[in-house]
Amino acid sequence: MSAVILPLFVMLKRRDKLVKLPIDRKQLLRLPGYGLQEEISDKQFDLVGHMLMGIFLVISPFAYFTINAFVSSGYFPYTHSFLIAVALAIVAWRTIKTFNHLTKLRLGHTAELATAGELLQLQAKGYQVFHDIQADKFNIDHLAIGPNGVFAIETKGRHKRHADASANAKAKGVKGHEVVYKSGKLEFPSWVEVEPIEQAKRQAKWVSQWLSTAAGIEVKAVPVLVFPGWYVSRGSRVPFPILNHKQLAITLPKSGNTSYSQEQINAIAYQVAQRAVQGERDK
């Protein structure tokens, strides 16, 4: 248990000291099933706790008598102890690896919830919105289909680092809440990225090819890149919308590259709905 709990404790302390979520989860809109999902998660943890307690109660007497026997015999199992130490080290390493992955998943989930909440406003304006569309070995976070075009929206969660908000960072003119698009790059306070821009373009191209073939309508999807909780500024002209999540409902109706009738919107939305189900598409 220590091989799991101690690394978790250290990683939690380290995470809270270095980074924070870009948005406050308590301020997000409650989407359908939110309360039930929270209750399901709690019950799942309860089940795991009950199973662990059952295992502990069963093995405790055996462990006690085994240790007693070793002490009484005067024999110390060096080989077994070494193997146990190695196994516990592996468990600790896997715990750290899983924790890091879970931290990224938590960040991504929070970011996508923030974007989905803002996209609800587009539905009131006649758009059809879908989430987590399964593509070829990847997924499209959100698709918004409206009279002015199809928008392939990629949401990126990025932690804000406490160091970027320090007095030293401010003295250097670095804003801990700002990402700047400049000359094809995304300049964060402590790092630079290019891949999200290329990813958004690739995904929009895939959506265009897929929907043009599936719906029999020429579709040229517009890539959209969203960074919830970050202030996005432009050091040069952007190739497509790169936004804070709260800008979506205002920006997308003013963007787009075509005009669709309601029949065309319905035809495109029907094809998207086939890939937006939770089970296998052929079912």
C-alpha atoms as a PDB file:
ATOM      1  CA  MET A   1       0.000   0.000   0.000  1.00  0.00           C
ATOM      2  CA  SER A   2       2.890   2.352   0.764  1.00  0.00           C
ATOM      3  CA  ALA A   3       4.318   1.707  -2.708  1.00  0.00           C
ATOM      4  CA  VAL A   4       1.119   3.253  -4.100  1.00  0.00           C
ATOM      5  CA  ILE A   5       0.139   5.820  -1.467  1.00  0.00           C
ATOM      6  CA  LEU A   6       3.532   7.478  -0.955  1.00  0.00           C
ATOM      7  CA  PRO A   7       4.187   8.150  -4.673  1.00  0.00           C
ATOM      8  CA  LEU A   8       0.618   9.444  -5.006  1.00  0.00           C
ATOM      9  CA  PHE A   9       1.087  11.786  -2.056  1.00  0.00           C
ATOM     10  CA  VAL A  10       4.391  13.118  -3.440  1.00  0.00           C
ATOM     11  CA  MET A  11       2.997  13.574  -6.961  1.00  0.00           C
ATOM     12  CA  LEU A  12      -0.125  15.349  -5.682  1.00  0.00           C
ATOM     13  CA  LYS A  13       1.985  17.783  -3.651  1.00  0.00           C
ATOM     14  CA  ARG A  14       4.280  18.359  -6.621  1.00  0.00           C
ATOM     15  CA  ARG A  15       1.390  18.909  -9.038  1.00  0.00           C
ATOM     16  CA  ASP A  16      -0.392  21.373  -6.770  1.00  0.00           C
ATOM     17  CA  LYS A  17       2.852  23.283  -6.279  1.00  0.00           C
ATOM     18  CA  LEU A  18       3.781  23.519  -9.968  1.00  0.00           C
ATOM     19  CA  VAL A  19       0.560  23.697 -11.967  1.00  0.00           C
ATOM     20  CA  LYS A  20      -3.158  24.378 -11.768  1.00  0.00           C
ATOM     21  CA  LEU A  21      -6.173  23.861 -14.001  1.00  0.00           C
ATOM     22  CA  PRO A  22      -6.727  26.762 -16.414  1.00  0.00           C
ATOM     23  CA  ILE A  23     -10.392  27.019 -15.415  1.00  0.00           C
ATOM     24  CA  ASP A  24     -12.391  26.475 -12.243  1.00  0.00           C
ATOM     25  CA  ARG A  25     -14.285  23.192 -12.519  1.00  0.00           C
ATOM     26  CA  LYS A  26     -16.941  24.510 -10.134  1.00  0.00           C
ATOM     27  CA  GLN A  27     -17.855  27.215 -12.659  1.00  0.00           C
ATOM     28  CA  LEU A  28     -18.515  24.789 -15.528  1.00  0.00           C
ATOM     29  CA  LEU A  29     -22.060  24.181 -16.725  1.00  0.00           C
ATOM     30  CA  ARG A  30     -23.634  20.945 -15.530  1.00  0.00           C
ATOM     31  CA  LEU A  31     -24.163  18.802 -18.620  1.00  0.00           C
ATOM     32  CA  PRO A  32     -26.804  16.024 -18.797  1.00  0.00           C
ATOM     33  CA  GLY A  33     -26.092  13.197 -16.376  1.00  0.00           C
ATOM     34  CA  TYR A  34     -23.447  15.121 -14.428  1.00  0.00           C
ATOM     35  CA  GLY A  35     -24.915  14.315 -11.010  1.00  0.00           C
ATOM     36  CA  LEU A  36     -25.360  10.645 -11.892  1.00  0.00           C
ATOM     37  CA  GLN A  37     -21.808  10.412 -13.237  1.00  0.00           C
ATOM     38  CA  GLU A  38     -20.451  11.845  -9.992  1.00  0.00           C
ATOM     39  CA  GLU A  39     -22.455   9.322  -7.988  1.00  0.00           C
ATOM     40  CA  ILE A  40     -21.283   6.454 -10.244  1.00  0.00           C
ATOM     41  CA  SER A  41     -17.646   7.474  -9.705  1.00  0.00           C
ATOM     42  CA  ASP A  42     -18.128   7.584  -5.941  1.00  0.00           C
ATOM     43  CA  LYS A  43     -19.708   4.123  -5.893  1.00  0.00           C
ATOM     44  CA  GLN A  44     -16.911   2.712  -8.062  1.00  0.00           C
ATOM     45  CA  PHE A  45     -14.346   3.952  -5.543  1.00  0.00           C
ATOM     46  CA  ASP A  46     -16.434   2.412  -2.751  1.00  0.00           C
ATOM     47  CA  LEU A  47     -16.397  -0.946  -4.545  1.00  0.00           C
ATOM     48  CA  VAL A  48     -12.620  -0.850  -4.974  1.00  0.00           C
ATOM     49  CA  GLY A  49     -12.248   0.046  -1.295  1.00  0.00           C
ATOM     50  CA  HIS A  50     -14.460  -2.865  -0.238  1.00  0.00           C
ATOM     51  CA  MET A  51     -12.454  -5.307  -2.391  1.00  0.00           C
ATOM     52  CA  LEU A  52      -9.135  -4.086  -1.001  1.00  0.00           C
ATOM     53  CA  MET A  53     -10.433  -4.342   2.550  1.00  0.00           C
ATOM     54  CA  GLY A  54     -11.622  -7.899   1.881  1.00  0.00           C
ATOM     55  CA  ILE A  55      -8.198  -8.882   0.517  1.00  0.00           C
ATOM     56  CA  PHE A  56      -6.472  -7.263   3.500  1.00  0.00           C
ATOM     57  CA  LEU A  57      -8.655  -9.109   6.012  1.00  0.00           C
ATOM     58  CA  VAL A  58      -7.992 -12.454   4.309  1.00  0.00           C
ATOM     59  CA  ILE A  59      -4.193 -12.162   4.001  1.00  0.00           C
ATOM     60  CA  SER A  60      -3.476 -10.476   7.341  1.00  0.00           C
ATOM     61  CA  PRO A  61      -3.511 -13.636   9.524  1.00  0.00           C
ATOM     62  CA  PHE A  62      -1.464 -15.567   6.949  1.00  0.00           C
ATOM     63  CA  ALA A  63       1.101 -12.773   6.804  1.00  0.00           C
ATOM     64  CA  TYR A  64       1.296 -12.624  10.601  1.00  0.00           C
ATOM     65  CA  PHE A  65       1.910 -16.374  11.052  1.00  0.00           C
ATOM     66  CA  THR A  66       4.378 -16.481   8.148  1.00  0.00           C
ATOM     67  CA  ILE A  67       6.500 -13.675   9.594  1.00  0.00           C
ATOM     68  CA  ASN A  68       6.325 -15.345  13.024  1.00  0.00           C
ATOM     69  CA  ALA A  69       7.562 -18.605  11.504  1.00  0.00           C
ATOM     70  CA  PHE A  70      10.534 -16.895   9.843  1.00  0.00           C
ATOM     71  CA  VAL A  71      11.473 -15.131  13.073  1.00  0.00           C
ATOM     72  CA  SER A  72      11.215 -18.372  15.097  1.00  0.00           C
ATOM     73  CA  SER A  73      13.349 -20.327  12.622  1.00  0.00           C
ATOM     74  CA  GLY A  74      16.053 -17.669  12.539  1.00  0.00           C
ATOM     75  CA  TYR A  75      16.006 -17.759   8.738  1.00  0.00           C
ATOM     76  CA  PHE A  76      15.623 -14.550   6.769  1.00  0.00           C
ATOM     77  CA  PRO A  77      14.319 -14.913   3.173  1.00  0.00           C
ATOM     78  CA  TYR A  78      16.787 -12.612   1.424  1.00  0.00           C
ATOM     79  CA  THR A  79      15.846 -13.780  -2.080  1.00  0.00           C
ATOM     80  CA  HIS A  80      12.145 -13.316  -1.513  1.00  0.00           C
ATOM     81  CA  SER A  81      12.709  -9.947   0.143  1.00  0.00           C
ATOM     82  CA  PHE A  82      14.764  -8.781  -2.830  1.00  0.00           C
ATOM     83  CA  LEU A  83      12.082  -9.883  -5.271  1.00  0.00           C
ATOM     84  CA  ILE A  84       9.435  -8.131  -3.178  1.00  0.00           C
ATOM     85  CA  ALA A  85      11.491  -4.919  -3.125  1.00  0.00           C
ATOM     86  CA  VAL A  86      11.873  -5.044  -6.920  1.00  0.00           C
ATOM     87  CA  ALA A  87       8.144  -5.690  -7.361  1.00  0.00           C
ATOM     88  CA  LEU A  88       7.254  -2.787  -5.064  1.00  0.00           C
ATOM     89  CA  ALA A  89       9.629  -0.502  -6.979  1.00  0.00           C
ATOM     90  CA  ILE A  90       7.840  -1.466 -10.212  1.00  0.00           C
ATOM     91  CA  VAL A  91       4.465  -0.818  -8.563  1.00  0.00           C
ATOM     92  CA  ALA A  92       5.648   2.616  -7.408  1.00  0.00           C
ATOM     93  CA  TRP A  93       6.950   3.445 -10.907  1.00  0.00           C
ATOM     94  CA  ARG A  94       3.666   2.347 -12.527  1.00  0.00           C
ATOM     95  CA  THR A  95       1.754   4.379  -9.958  1.00  0.00           C
ATOM     96  CA  ILE A  96       3.675   7.519 -10.925  1.00  0.00           C
ATOM     97  CA  LYS A  97       3.179   6.784 -14.624  1.00  0.00           C
ATOM     98  CA  THR A  98      -0.553   6.221 -14.167  1.00  0.00           C
ATOM     99  CA  PHE A  99      -0.888   9.344 -12.030  1.00  0.00           C
ATOM    100  CA  ASN A 100       0.760  11.484 -14.720  1.00  0.00           C
ATOM    101  CA  HIS A 101      -1.550  10.033 -17.343  1.00  0.00           C
ATOM    102  CA  LEU A 102      -4.571  10.569 -15.100  1.00  0.00           C
ATOM    103  CA  THR A 103      -3.542  14.205 -14.574  1.00  0.00           C
ATOM    104  CA  LYS A 104      -3.505  14.740 -18.354  1.00  0.00           C
ATOM    105  CA  LEU A 105      -6.871  13.013 -18.743  1.00  0.00           C
ATOM    106  CA  ARG A 106      -8.366  15.165 -15.981  1.00  0.00           C
ATOM    107  CA  LEU A 107      -7.078  18.304 -17.690  1.00  0.00           C
ATOM    108  CA  GLY A 108      -8.374  17.235 -21.103  1.00  0.00           C
ATOM    109  CA  HIS A 109     -11.761  16.242 -19.695  1.00  0.00           C
ATOM    110  CA  THR A 110     -12.163  19.570 -17.925  1.00  0.00           C
ATOM    111  CA  ALA A 111     -11.204  21.476 -21.078  1.00  0.00           C
ATOM    112  CA  GLU A 112     -13.675  19.554 -23.241  1.00  0.00           C
ATOM    113  CA  LEU A 113     -16.475  20.100 -20.719  1.00  0.00           C
ATOM    114  CA  ALA A 114     -15.762  23.836 -20.820  1.00  0.00           C
ATOM    115  CA  THR A 115     -15.932  23.879 -24.624  1.00  0.00           C
ATOM    116  CA  ALA A 116     -19.070  21.721 -24.728  1.00  0.00           C
ATOM    117  CA  GLY A 117     -20.807  24.063 -22.294  1.00  0.00           C
ATOM    118  CA  GLU A 118     -20.127  27.065 -24.510  1.00  0.00           C
ATOM    119  CA  LEU A 119     -21.230  25.211 -27.660  1.00  0.00           C
ATOM    120  CA  LEU A 120     -24.693  24.857 -26.124  1.00  0.00           C
ATOM    121  CA  GLN A 121     -25.198  28.503 -27.022  1.00  0.00           C
ATOM    122  CA  LEU A 122     -24.705  27.671 -30.701  1.00  0.00           C
ATOM    123  CA  GLN A 123     -27.545  25.160 -30.609  1.00  0.00           C
ATOM    124  CA  ALA A 124     -29.890  28.001 -29.742  1.00  0.00           C
ATOM    125  CA  LYS A 125     -28.735  29.666 -32.970  1.00  0.00           C
ATOM    126  CA  GLY A 126     -29.656  26.710 -35.157  1.00  0.00           C
ATOM    127  CA  TYR A 127     -26.375  24.802 -35.123  1.00  0.00           C
ATOM    128  CA  GLN A 128     -26.158  21.065 -34.634  1.00  0.00           C
ATOM    129  CA  VAL A 129     -23.331  20.114 -32.284  1.00  0.00           C
ATOM    130  CA  PHE A 130     -21.700  16.718 -31.793  1.00  0.00           C
ATOM    131  CA  HIS A 131     -18.922  15.610 -29.477  1.00  0.00           C
ATOM    132  CA  ASP A 132     -16.184  12.964 -29.554  1.00  0.00           C
ATOM    133  CA  ILE A 133     -16.678  11.830 -33.137  1.00  0.00           C
ATOM    134  CA  GLN A 134     -14.723   8.655 -33.858  1.00  0.00           C
ATOM    135  CA  ALA A 135     -12.441   8.937 -36.884  1.00  0.00           C
ATOM    136  CA  ASP A 136      -9.689   6.675 -38.215  1.00  0.00           C
ATOM    137  CA  LYS A 137      -7.665   5.885 -35.066  1.00  0.00           C
ATOM    138  CA  PHE A 138      -8.300   9.348 -33.608  1.00  0.00           C
ATOM    139  CA  ASN A 139     -11.276  11.441 -32.572  1.00  0.00           C
ATOM    140  CA  ILE A 140     -12.700  14.857 -33.333  1.00  0.00           C
ATOM    141  CA  ASP A 141     -13.468  16.628 -30.054  1.00  0.00           C
ATOM    142  CA  HIS A 142     -16.449  18.621 -31.358  1.00  0.00           C
ATOM    143  CA  LEU A 143     -18.227  19.271 -34.655  1.00  0.00           C
ATOM    144  CA  ALA A 144     -20.542  22.237 -35.111  1.00  0.00           C
ATOM    145  CA  ILE A 145     -22.719  22.279 -38.231  1.00  0.00           C
ATOM    146  CA  GLY A 146     -24.512  25.474 -39.164  1.00  0.00           C
ATOM    147  CA  PRO A 147     -25.719  27.524 -42.125  1.00  0.00           C
ATOM    148  CA  ASN A 148     -22.273  29.103 -42.541  1.00  0.00           C
ATOM    149  CA  GLY A 149     -20.174  25.933 -42.489  1.00  0.00           C
ATOM    150  CA  VAL A 150     -18.859  22.902 -40.672  1.00  0.00           C
ATOM    151  CA  PHE A 151     -16.404  23.536 -37.842  1.00  0.00           C
ATOM    152  CA  ALA A 152     -13.976  20.868 -36.648  1.00  0.00           C
ATOM    153  CA  ILE A 153     -13.124  21.971 -33.122  1.00  0.00           C
ATOM    154  CA  GLU A 154     -10.037  20.692 -31.344  1.00  0.00           C
ATOM    155  CA  THR A 155      -9.865  21.458 -27.625  1.00  0.00           C
ATOM    156  CA  LYS A 156      -6.500  21.571 -25.906  1.00  0.00           C
ATOM    157  CA  GLY A 157      -6.130  21.597 -22.137  1.00  0.00           C
ATOM    158  CA  ARG A 158      -2.954  23.212 -20.864  1.00  0.00           C
ATOM    159  CA  HIS A 159      -2.050  23.669 -17.206  1.00  0.00           C
ATOM    160  CA  LYS A 160      -1.163  27.098 -15.975  1.00  0.00           C
ATOM    161  CA  ARG A 161       2.114  27.017 -14.094  1.00  0.00           C
ATOM    162  CA  HIS A 162       2.431  28.792 -10.794  1.00  0.00           C
ATOM    163  CA  ALA A 163       5.988  29.834 -11.701  1.00  0.00           C
ATOM    164  CA  ASP A 164       4.626  31.831 -14.654  1.00  0.00           C
ATOM    165  CA  ALA A 165       2.613  33.968 -12.244  1.00  0.00           C
ATOM    166  CA  SER A 166       5.563  34.728  -9.977  1.00  0.00           C
ATOM    167  CA  ALA A 167       7.094  38.165  -9.483  1.00  0.00           C
ATOM    168  CA  ASN A 168      10.124  37.184 -11.593  1.00  0.00           C
ATOM    169  CA  ALA A 169       7.933  36.150 -14.499  1.00  0.00           C
ATOM    170  CA  LYS A 170       5.955  39.378 -14.331  1.00  0.00           C
ATOM    171  CA  ALA A 171       9.172  41.374 -14.251  1.00  0.00           C
ATOM    172  CA  LYS A 172      10.154  39.735 -17.546  1.00  0.00           C
ATOM    173  CA  GLY A 173       6.845  40.725 -19.092  1.00  0.00           C
ATOM    174  CA  VAL A 174       5.491  37.150 -19.140  1.00  0.00           C
ATOM    175  CA  LYS A 175       1.750  36.788 -18.558  1.00  0.00           C
ATOM    176  CA  GLY A 176       0.898  33.485 -16.948  1.00  0.00           C
ATOM    177  CA  HIS A 177      -2.588  33.371 -18.488  1.00  0.00           C
ATOM    178  CA  GLU A 178      -1.735  34.283 -22.089  1.00  0.00           C
ATOM    179  CA  VAL A 179      -0.878  32.271 -25.213  1.00  0.00           C
ATOM    180  CA  VAL A 180       0.306  34.201 -28.262  1.00  0.00           C
ATOM    181  CA  TYR A 181      -0.012  33.024 -31.854  1.00  0.00           C
ATOM    182  CA  LYS A 182       2.972  34.278 -33.796  1.00  0.00           C
ATOM    183  CA  SER A 183       4.465  33.143 -37.118  1.00  0.00           C
ATOM    184  CA  GLY A 184       2.875  29.701 -37.038  1.00  0.00           C
ATOM    185  CA  LYS A 185       3.713  29.013 -33.390  1.00  0.00           C
ATOM    186  CA  LEU A 186       1.825  29.072 -30.114  1.00  0.00           C
ATOM    187  CA  GLU A 187       3.922  30.844 -27.521  1.00  0.00           C
ATOM    188  CA  PHE A 188       2.956  29.952 -23.961  1.00  0.00           C
ATOM    189  CA  PRO A 189       4.626  31.605 -20.960  1.00  0.00           C
ATOM    190  CA  SER A 190       7.178  28.799 -20.529  1.00  0.00           C
ATOM    191  CA  TRP A 191       7.089  26.811 -23.767  1.00  0.00           C
ATOM    192  CA  VAL A 192       6.262  26.889 -27.493  1.00  0.00           C
ATOM    193  CA  GLU A 193       4.020  24.517 -29.479  1.00  0.00           C
ATOM    194  CA  VAL A 194       3.329  23.933 -33.160  1.00  0.00           C
ATOM    195  CA  GLU A 195       1.689  20.497 -33.281  1.00  0.00           C
ATOM    196  CA  PRO A 196      -1.840  21.601 -32.162  1.00  0.00           C
ATOM    197  CA  ILE A 197      -2.058  23.876 -35.214  1.00  0.00           C
ATOM    198  CA  GLU A 198      -1.044  21.084 -37.575  1.00  0.00           C
ATOM    199  CA  GLN A 199      -3.369  18.634 -35.830  1.00  0.00           C
ATOM    200  CA  ALA A 200      -6.373  20.945 -36.211  1.00  0.00           C
ATOM    201  CA  LYS A 201      -5.608  21.315 -39.932  1.00  0.00           C
ATOM    202  CA  ARG A 202      -5.249  17.548 -40.450  1.00  0.00           C
ATOM    203  CA  GLN A 203      -8.484  16.806 -38.660  1.00  0.00           C
ATOM    204  CA  ALA A 204     -10.428  19.442 -40.583  1.00  0.00           C
ATOM    205  CA  LYS A 205      -9.058  18.000 -43.838  1.00  0.00           C
ATOM    206  CA  TRP A 206     -10.164  14.509 -42.815  1.00  0.00           C
ATOM    207  CA  VAL A 207     -13.651  15.793 -41.911  1.00  0.00           C
ATOM    208  CA  SER A 208     -13.900  17.564 -45.277  1.00  0.00           C
ATOM    209  CA  GLN A 209     -13.004  14.426 -47.231  1.00  0.00           C
ATOM    210  CA  TRP A 210     -15.224  12.158 -45.153  1.00  0.00           C
ATOM    211  CA  LEU A 211     -18.368  14.325 -45.225  1.00  0.00           C
ATOM    212  CA  SER A 212     -17.996  15.252 -48.882  1.00  0.00           C
ATOM    213  CA  THR A 213     -18.045  11.539 -49.744  1.00  0.00           C
ATOM    214  CA  ALA A 214     -20.587  10.375 -47.140  1.00  0.00           C
ATOM    215  CA  ALA A 215     -23.135  13.183 -47.510  1.00  0.00           C
ATOM    216  CA  GLY A 216     -22.668  13.817 -51.229  1.00  0.00           C
ATOM    217  CA  ILE A 217     -22.199  17.526 -50.483  1.00  0.00           C
ATOM    218  CA  GLU A 218     -19.018  19.486 -50.961  1.00  0.00           C
ATOM    219  CA  VAL A 219     -17.781  20.187 -47.455  1.00  0.00           C
ATOM    220  CA  LYS A 220     -14.758  22.230 -46.512  1.00  0.00           C
ATOM    221  CA  ALA A 221     -14.545  22.035 -42.739  1.00  0.00           C
ATOM    222  CA  VAL A 222     -13.037  24.957 -40.882  1.00  0.00           C
ATOM    223  CA  PRO A 223     -10.454  24.020 -38.237  1.00  0.00           C
ATOM    224  CA  VAL A 224     -10.931  25.647 -34.846  1.00  0.00           C
ATOM    225  CA  LEU A 225      -8.437  25.434 -31.984  1.00  0.00           C
ATOM    226  CA  VAL A 226      -9.663  26.149 -28.447  1.00  0.00           C
ATOM    227  CA  PHE A 227      -7.633  26.708 -25.282  1.00  0.00           C
ATOM    228  CA  PRO A 228     -10.104  26.918 -22.369  1.00  0.00           C
ATOM    229  CA  GLY A 229      -9.025  29.270 -19.614  1.00  0.00           C
ATOM    230  CA  TRP A 230      -6.270  30.946 -21.653  1.00  0.00           C
ATOM    231  CA  TYR A 231      -6.303  34.444 -23.084  1.00  0.00           C
ATOM    232  CA  VAL A 232      -5.403  34.077 -26.764  1.00  0.00           C
ATOM    233  CA  SER A 233      -3.667  37.013 -28.425  1.00  0.00           C
ATOM    234  CA  ARG A 234      -2.363  37.368 -31.971  1.00  0.00           C
ATOM    235  CA  GLY A 235       1.139  38.464 -32.834  1.00  0.00           C
ATOM    236  CA  SER A 236       0.425  37.763 -36.499  1.00  0.00           C
ATOM    237  CA  ARG A 237      -2.521  36.800 -38.682  1.00  0.00           C
ATOM    238  CA  VAL A 238      -4.065  33.464 -37.686  1.00  0.00           C
ATOM    239  CA  PRO A 239      -4.845  30.859 -40.400  1.00  0.00           C
ATOM    240  CA  PHE A 240      -8.086  29.839 -38.669  1.00  0.00           C
ATOM    241  CA  PRO A 241      -9.905  30.631 -35.405  1.00  0.00           C
ATOM    242  CA  ILE A 242      -7.712  30.070 -32.328  1.00  0.00           C
ATOM    243  CA  LEU A 243      -9.851  30.961 -29.350  1.00  0.00           C
ATOM    244  CA  ASN A 244     -10.645  30.939 -25.693  1.00  0.00           C
ATOM    245  CA  HIS A 245     -13.707  28.740 -25.111  1.00  0.00           C
ATOM    246  CA  LYS A 246     -15.871  31.732 -24.216  1.00  0.00           C
ATOM    247  CA  GLN A 247     -15.325  33.228 -27.691  1.00  0.00           C
ATOM    248  CA  LEU A 248     -16.900  30.294 -29.546  1.00  0.00           C
ATOM    249  CA  ALA A 249     -20.544  31.395 -29.557  1.00  0.00           C
ATOM    250  CA  ILE A 250     -19.570  34.841 -30.855  1.00  0.00           C
ATOM    251  CA  THR A 251     -16.833  33.933 -33.332  1.00  0.00           C
ATOM    252  CA  LEU A 252     -18.158  30.867 -35.171  1.00  0.00           C
ATOM    253  CA  PRO A 253     -21.365  32.485 -36.527  1.00  0.00           C
ATOM    254  CA  LYS A 254     -19.116  35.171 -38.065  1.00  0.00           C
ATOM    255  CA  SER A 255     -16.746  32.627 -39.578  1.00  0.00           C
ATOM    256  CA  GLY A 256     -17.259  29.925 -42.182  1.00  0.00           C
ATOM    257  CA  ASN A 257     -16.622  29.566 -45.876  1.00  0.00           C
ATOM    258  CA  THR A 258     -19.927  28.460 -47.394  1.00  0.00           C
ATOM    259  CA  SER A 259     -23.707  28.508 -47.082  1.00  0.00           C
ATOM    260  CA  TYR A 260     -25.873  25.460 -46.377  1.00  0.00           C
ATOM    261  CA  SER A 261     -29.622  24.971 -46.561  1.00  0.00           C
ATOM    262  CA  GLN A 262     -31.456  23.220 -43.740  1.00  0.00           C
ATOM    263  CA  GLU A 263     -31.713  20.058 -45.871  1.00  0.00           C
ATOM    264  CA  GLN A 264     -27.952  20.042 -46.396  1.00  0.00           C
ATOM    265  CA  ILE A 265     -27.342  20.615 -42.684  1.00  0.00           C
ATOM    266  CA  ASN A 266     -29.599  17.664 -41.867  1.00  0.00           C
ATOM    267  CA  ALA A 267     -27.816  15.432 -44.394  1.00  0.00           C
ATOM    268  CA  ILE A 268     -24.402  16.293 -42.968  1.00  0.00           C
ATOM    269  CA  ALA A 269     -25.618  15.928 -39.377  1.00  0.00           C
ATOM    270  CA  TYR A 270     -27.044  12.471 -40.161  1.00  0.00           C
ATOM    271  CA  GLN A 271     -23.619  11.228 -41.266  1.00  0.00           C
ATOM    272  CA  VAL A 272     -21.951  12.727 -38.210  1.00  0.00           C
ATOM    273  CA  ALA A 273     -24.499  11.108 -35.894  1.00  0.00           C
ATOM    274  CA  GLN A 274     -23.477   7.664 -37.184  1.00  0.00           C
ATOM    275  CA  ARG A 275     -19.964   8.203 -35.810  1.00  0.00           C
ATOM    276  CA  ALA A 276     -21.010   9.925 -32.586  1.00  0.00           C
ATOM    277  CA  VAL A 277     -22.515   6.847 -30.925  1.00  0.00           C
ATOM    278  CA  GLN A 278     -20.954   5.151 -27.899  1.00  0.00           C
ATOM    279  CA  GLY A 279     -20.928   1.654 -29.406  1.00  0.00           C
ATOM    280  CA  GLU A 280     -19.492   0.316 -32.614  1.00  0.00           C
ATOM    281  CA  ARG A 281     -20.571   2.280 -35.683  1.00  0.00           C
ATOM    282  CA  ASP A 282     -21.945  -0.724 -37.570  1.00  0.00           C
ATOM    283  CA  LYS A 283     -24.416  -1.293 -34.738  1.00  0.00           C
END
